Amino acid sequence: MKALFGTDGIRGEAGSFPLRGGVTLIVAAPERDAYGVYGPPQVRFAIAKPLVGTAGSERESSQRAFTLSMGLMNGDTSDDRHFQADFGLVHQGI
């Protein structure tokens, strides 16, 4: 899904940004038994990322505010690579 930067018409010409839903899972690493066999992993937390309803609207607004604050509305927002992080650059020297 793509969401517009400006819903008020003022920044509508700035393009859109990707807005994805789903869930983030935090999974505990399984332990090994005496024979070195791993047990089943265990889901510790599930963090929902809704796209619909009140929660979806609030999430879209907060994502829009973050994207604008990071200056990501500048440049070619129609290119999906515009929003991809270069983790080699982000974690440089670590």
N, C-alpha and C. Protein backbone atom coordinates (compact mmCIF):
# COMPACT_ATOMS: atom_id res chain seq x y z
N MET A 1 0.85 -1.16 0.00
CA MET A 1 0.00 0.00 0.00
C MET A 1 0.90 1.23 0.00
N LYS A 2 0.49 2.25 -0.70
CA LYS A 2 1.21 3.52 -0.69
C LYS A 2 0.30 4.56 -0.07
N ALA A 3 0.83 5.36 0.85
CA ALA A 3 0.08 6.42 1.50
C ALA A 3 0.62 7.76 1.03
N LEU A 4 -0.25 8.72 0.83
CA LEU A 4 0.18 10.05 0.40
C LEU A 4 0.85 10.79 1.54
N PHE A 5 1.87 11.58 1.19
CA PHE A 5 2.52 12.40 2.22
C PHE A 5 1.55 13.41 2.78
N GLY A 6 0.79 14.07 1.93
CA GLY A 6 -0.14 15.09 2.40
C GLY A 6 -1.57 14.68 2.17
N THR A 7 -2.35 14.59 3.24
CA THR A 7 -3.76 14.27 3.09
C THR A 7 -4.60 15.54 3.01
N ASP A 8 -3.95 16.68 3.25
CA ASP A 8 -4.68 17.95 3.25
C ASP A 8 -4.58 18.67 1.90
N GLY A 9 -3.91 18.05 0.92
CA GLY A 9 -3.77 18.66 -0.39
C GLY A 9 -2.58 19.60 -0.50
N ILE A 10 -2.02 19.99 0.62
CA ILE A 10 -0.89 20.91 0.59
C ILE A 10 0.38 20.21 0.12
N ARG A 11 0.63 19.00 0.65
CA ARG A 11 1.84 18.27 0.27
C ARG A 11 1.52 17.08 -0.63
N GLY A 12 0.35 17.02 -1.20
CA GLY A 12 -0.04 15.89 -2.03
C GLY A 12 0.86 15.69 -3.22
N GLU A 13 1.44 16.78 -3.73
CA GLU A 13 2.33 16.67 -4.88
C GLU A 13 3.68 16.07 -4.49
N ALA A 14 3.92 15.88 -3.20
CA ALA A 14 5.20 15.33 -2.74
C ALA A 14 5.30 13.83 -2.97
N GLY A 15 4.22 13.19 -3.37
CA GLY A 15 4.27 11.76 -3.64
C GLY A 15 3.70 10.93 -2.50
N SER A 16 4.20 9.72 -2.38
CA SER A 16 3.68 8.78 -1.39
C SER A 16 4.83 8.01 -0.77
N PHE A 17 4.50 7.25 0.27
CA PHE A 17 5.50 6.41 0.93
C PHE A 17 4.90 5.03 1.16
N PRO A 18 5.74 3.98 1.22
CA PRO A 18 5.21 2.64 1.43
C PRO A 18 4.69 2.47 2.85
N LEU A 19 3.54 1.86 2.97
CA LEU A 19 2.95 1.57 4.27
C LEU A 19 2.55 0.10 4.25
N ARG A 20 3.23 -0.69 5.05
CA ARG A 20 2.99 -2.12 5.04
C ARG A 20 2.40 -2.57 6.37
N GLY A 21 1.54 -3.54 6.30
CA GLY A 21 0.93 -4.10 7.49
C GLY A 21 1.56 -5.45 7.81
N GLY A 22 1.01 -6.11 8.79
CA GLY A 22 1.49 -7.43 9.15
C GLY A 22 1.71 -7.54 10.64
N VAL A 23 2.72 -8.30 11.00
CA VAL A 23 3.04 -8.51 12.41
C VAL A 23 4.54 -8.72 12.54
N THR A 24 5.11 -8.23 13.63
CA THR A 24 6.50 -8.49 13.96
C THR A 24 6.51 -9.50 15.08
N LEU A 25 7.25 -10.58 14.89
CA LEU A 25 7.34 -11.64 15.90
C LEU A 25 8.69 -11.59 16.60
N ILE A 26 8.67 -11.65 17.92
CA ILE A 26 9.89 -11.79 18.71
C ILE A 26 9.90 -13.24 19.17
N VAL A 27 10.89 -13.98 18.68
CA VAL A 27 10.94 -15.42 18.90
C VAL A 27 12.13 -15.77 19.79
N ALA A 28 11.88 -16.56 20.83
CA ALA A 28 12.95 -17.03 21.71
C ALA A 28 13.71 -18.15 21.01
N ALA A 29 15.02 -18.10 21.11
CA ALA A 29 15.84 -19.15 20.52
C ALA A 29 15.58 -20.47 21.25
N PRO A 30 15.42 -21.55 20.50
CA PRO A 30 15.16 -22.83 21.15
C PRO A 30 16.42 -23.36 21.85
N GLU A 31 16.19 -24.09 22.91
CA GLU A 31 17.30 -24.71 23.63
C GLU A 31 17.62 -26.06 23.02
N ARG A 32 18.87 -26.50 23.22
CA ARG A 32 19.27 -27.83 22.75
C ARG A 32 19.15 -28.83 23.90
N ASP A 33 18.75 -30.03 23.56
CA ASP A 33 18.69 -31.06 24.59
C ASP A 33 20.06 -31.72 24.73
N ALA A 34 20.15 -32.77 25.52
CA ALA A 34 21.42 -33.45 25.78
C ALA A 34 22.03 -34.06 24.52
N TYR A 35 21.21 -34.30 23.51
CA TYR A 35 21.69 -34.90 22.27
C TYR A 35 22.02 -33.85 21.21
N GLY A 36 21.89 -32.57 21.56
CA GLY A 36 22.21 -31.51 20.62
C GLY A 36 21.07 -31.16 19.67
N VAL A 37 19.89 -31.70 19.95
CA VAL A 37 18.73 -31.45 19.10
C VAL A 37 17.99 -30.22 19.63
N TYR A 38 17.70 -29.30 18.74
CA TYR A 38 16.98 -28.10 19.14
C TYR A 38 15.50 -28.38 19.34
N GLY A 39 14.93 -27.78 20.36
CA GLY A 39 13.50 -27.87 20.60
C GLY A 39 12.78 -26.86 19.73
N PRO A 40 11.47 -26.78 19.85
CA PRO A 40 10.71 -25.83 19.02
C PRO A 40 10.93 -24.39 19.49
N PRO A 41 10.96 -23.44 18.58
CA PRO A 41 11.06 -22.04 18.98
C PRO A 41 9.75 -21.60 19.64
N GLN A 42 9.82 -20.55 20.44
CA GLN A 42 8.64 -20.07 21.15
C GLN A 42 8.44 -18.58 20.83
N VAL A 43 7.24 -18.25 20.37
CA VAL A 43 6.91 -16.85 20.12
C VAL A 43 6.72 -16.16 21.46
N ARG A 44 7.53 -15.12 21.71
CA ARG A 44 7.45 -14.40 22.98
C ARG A 44 6.50 -13.21 22.88
N PHE A 45 6.58 -12.48 21.76
CA PHE A 45 5.74 -11.30 21.56
C PHE A 45 5.29 -11.24 20.11
N ALA A 46 4.09 -10.74 19.89
CA ALA A 46 3.57 -10.47 18.54
C ALA A 46 3.11 -9.02 18.51
N ILE A 47 3.72 -8.22 17.64
CA ILE A 47 3.42 -6.80 17.56
C ILE A 47 2.66 -6.55 16.25
N ALA A 48 1.38 -6.20 16.37
CA ALA A 48 0.54 -6.01 15.18
C ALA A 48 0.86 -4.69 14.49
N LYS A 49 0.75 -4.69 13.16
CA LYS A 49 0.91 -3.48 12.36
C LYS A 49 -0.32 -3.37 11.46
N PRO A 50 -1.43 -2.87 12.02
CA PRO A 50 -2.69 -2.83 11.27
C PRO A 50 -2.69 -1.74 10.19
N LEU A 51 -3.50 -1.96 9.16
CA LEU A 51 -3.69 -0.97 8.10
C LEU A 51 -5.09 -0.39 8.09
N VAL A 52 -6.01 -1.01 8.82
CA VAL A 52 -7.41 -0.58 8.79
C VAL A 52 -7.88 -0.17 10.18
N GLY A 53 -8.99 0.52 10.21
CA GLY A 53 -9.59 0.93 11.48
C GLY A 53 -8.86 2.11 12.11
N THR A 54 -9.21 2.39 13.35
CA THR A 54 -8.61 3.50 14.08
C THR A 54 -7.11 3.28 14.27
N ALA A 55 -6.72 2.06 14.63
CA ALA A 55 -5.30 1.76 14.83
C ALA A 55 -4.51 1.94 13.54
N GLY A 56 -5.10 1.56 12.42
CA GLY A 56 -4.43 1.73 11.12
C GLY A 56 -4.26 3.20 10.76
N SER A 57 -5.28 4.01 11.04
CA SER A 57 -5.20 5.45 10.77
C SER A 57 -4.15 6.12 11.63
N GLU A 58 -4.09 5.73 12.90
CA GLU A 58 -3.09 6.29 13.81
C GLU A 58 -1.69 5.90 13.37
N ARG A 59 -1.53 4.65 12.94
CA ARG A 59 -0.23 4.17 12.49
C ARG A 59 0.21 4.91 11.23
N GLU A 60 -0.72 5.12 10.30
CA GLU A 60 -0.39 5.86 9.07
C GLU A 60 0.05 7.28 9.41
N SER A 61 -0.65 7.94 10.33
CA SER A 61 -0.28 9.30 10.73
C SER A 61 1.10 9.36 11.36
N SER A 62 1.41 8.40 12.23
CA SER A 62 2.72 8.41 12.88
C SER A 62 3.83 8.07 11.88
N GLN A 63 3.56 7.16 10.94
CA GLN A 63 4.54 6.84 9.90
C GLN A 63 4.79 8.05 9.01
N ARG A 64 3.72 8.77 8.68
CA ARG A 64 3.85 9.97 7.85
C ARG A 64 4.70 11.02 8.57
N ALA A 65 4.42 11.24 9.85
CA ALA A 65 5.17 12.23 10.63
C ALA A 65 6.65 11.84 10.70
N PHE A 66 6.94 10.57 10.93
CA PHE A 66 8.33 10.11 10.99
C PHE A 66 9.02 10.30 9.65
N THR A 67 8.34 9.88 8.57
CA THR A 67 8.93 9.99 7.23
C THR A 67 9.21 11.43 6.87
N LEU A 68 8.29 12.33 7.21
CA LEU A 68 8.50 13.76 6.94
C LEU A 68 9.65 14.30 7.80
N SER A 69 9.72 13.89 9.07
CA SER A 69 10.77 14.40 9.95
C SER A 69 12.16 13.94 9.52
N MET A 70 12.22 12.79 8.84
CA MET A 70 13.50 12.28 8.35
C MET A 70 13.88 12.85 6.99
N GLY A 71 13.01 13.69 6.43
CA GLY A 71 13.29 14.30 5.13
C GLY A 71 13.12 13.36 3.96
N LEU A 72 12.37 12.29 4.15
CA LEU A 72 12.23 11.29 3.09
C LEU A 72 11.24 11.67 2.01
N MET A 73 10.56 12.83 2.15
CA MET A 73 9.67 13.25 1.08
C MET A 73 10.46 13.93 -0.04
N ASN A 74 11.75 14.20 0.21
CA ASN A 74 12.60 14.80 -0.81
C ASN A 74 13.09 13.72 -1.75
N GLY A 75 13.21 14.04 -3.01
CA GLY A 75 13.72 13.08 -4.00
C GLY A 75 12.59 12.36 -4.71
N ASP A 76 12.95 11.29 -5.40
CA ASP A 76 12.00 10.53 -6.21
C ASP A 76 11.28 9.50 -5.35
N THR A 77 10.13 9.88 -4.82
CA THR A 77 9.38 8.98 -3.94
C THR A 77 8.64 7.88 -4.70
N SER A 78 8.61 7.97 -6.03
CA SER A 78 7.97 6.91 -6.81
C SER A 78 8.88 5.70 -6.96
N ASP A 79 10.17 5.87 -6.68
CA ASP A 79 11.14 4.78 -6.74
C ASP A 79 11.19 4.08 -5.39
N ASP A 80 10.83 2.79 -5.34
CA ASP A 80 10.80 2.05 -4.08
C ASP A 80 12.16 2.01 -3.39
N ARG A 81 13.25 2.11 -4.15
CA ARG A 81 14.58 2.10 -3.55
C ARG A 81 14.85 3.36 -2.72
N HIS A 82 14.05 4.39 -2.95
CA HIS A 82 14.20 5.64 -2.20
C HIS A 82 14.05 5.42 -0.69
N PHE A 83 13.25 4.46 -0.30
CA PHE A 83 12.94 4.22 1.11
C PHE A 83 13.74 3.06 1.70
N GLN A 84 14.68 2.50 0.96
CA GLN A 84 15.47 1.39 1.47
C GLN A 84 16.71 1.92 2.18
N ALA A 85 17.00 1.36 3.35
CA ALA A 85 18.17 1.77 4.11
C ALA A 85 19.38 0.97 3.64
N ASP A 86 20.51 1.65 3.52
CA ASP A 86 21.78 0.99 3.23
C ASP A 86 22.39 0.63 4.58
N PHE A 87 22.18 -0.61 5.04
CA PHE A 87 22.62 -0.99 6.37
C PHE A 87 24.15 -1.03 6.48
N GLY A 88 24.84 -1.18 5.36
CA GLY A 88 26.29 -1.09 5.39
C GLY A 88 26.73 0.31 5.77
N LEU A 89 26.00 1.30 5.32
CA LEU A 89 26.29 2.69 5.65
C LEU A 89 25.81 3.04 7.05
N VAL A 90 24.62 2.55 7.41
CA VAL A 90 24.05 2.83 8.72
C VAL A 90 24.94 2.28 9.84
N HIS A 91 25.47 1.08 9.66
CA HIS A 91 26.27 0.41 10.71
C HIS A 91 27.76 0.50 10.42
N GLN A 92 28.17 1.52 9.73
CA GLN A 92 29.56 1.69 9.34
C GLN A 92 30.47 1.70 10.58
N GLY A 93 31.45 0.84 10.56
CA GLY A 93 32.43 0.81 11.63
C GLY A 93 31.99 0.08 12.89
N ILE A 94 30.84 -0.56 12.85
CA ILE A 94 30.38 -1.29 14.04
C ILE A 94 30.48 -2.77 13.80
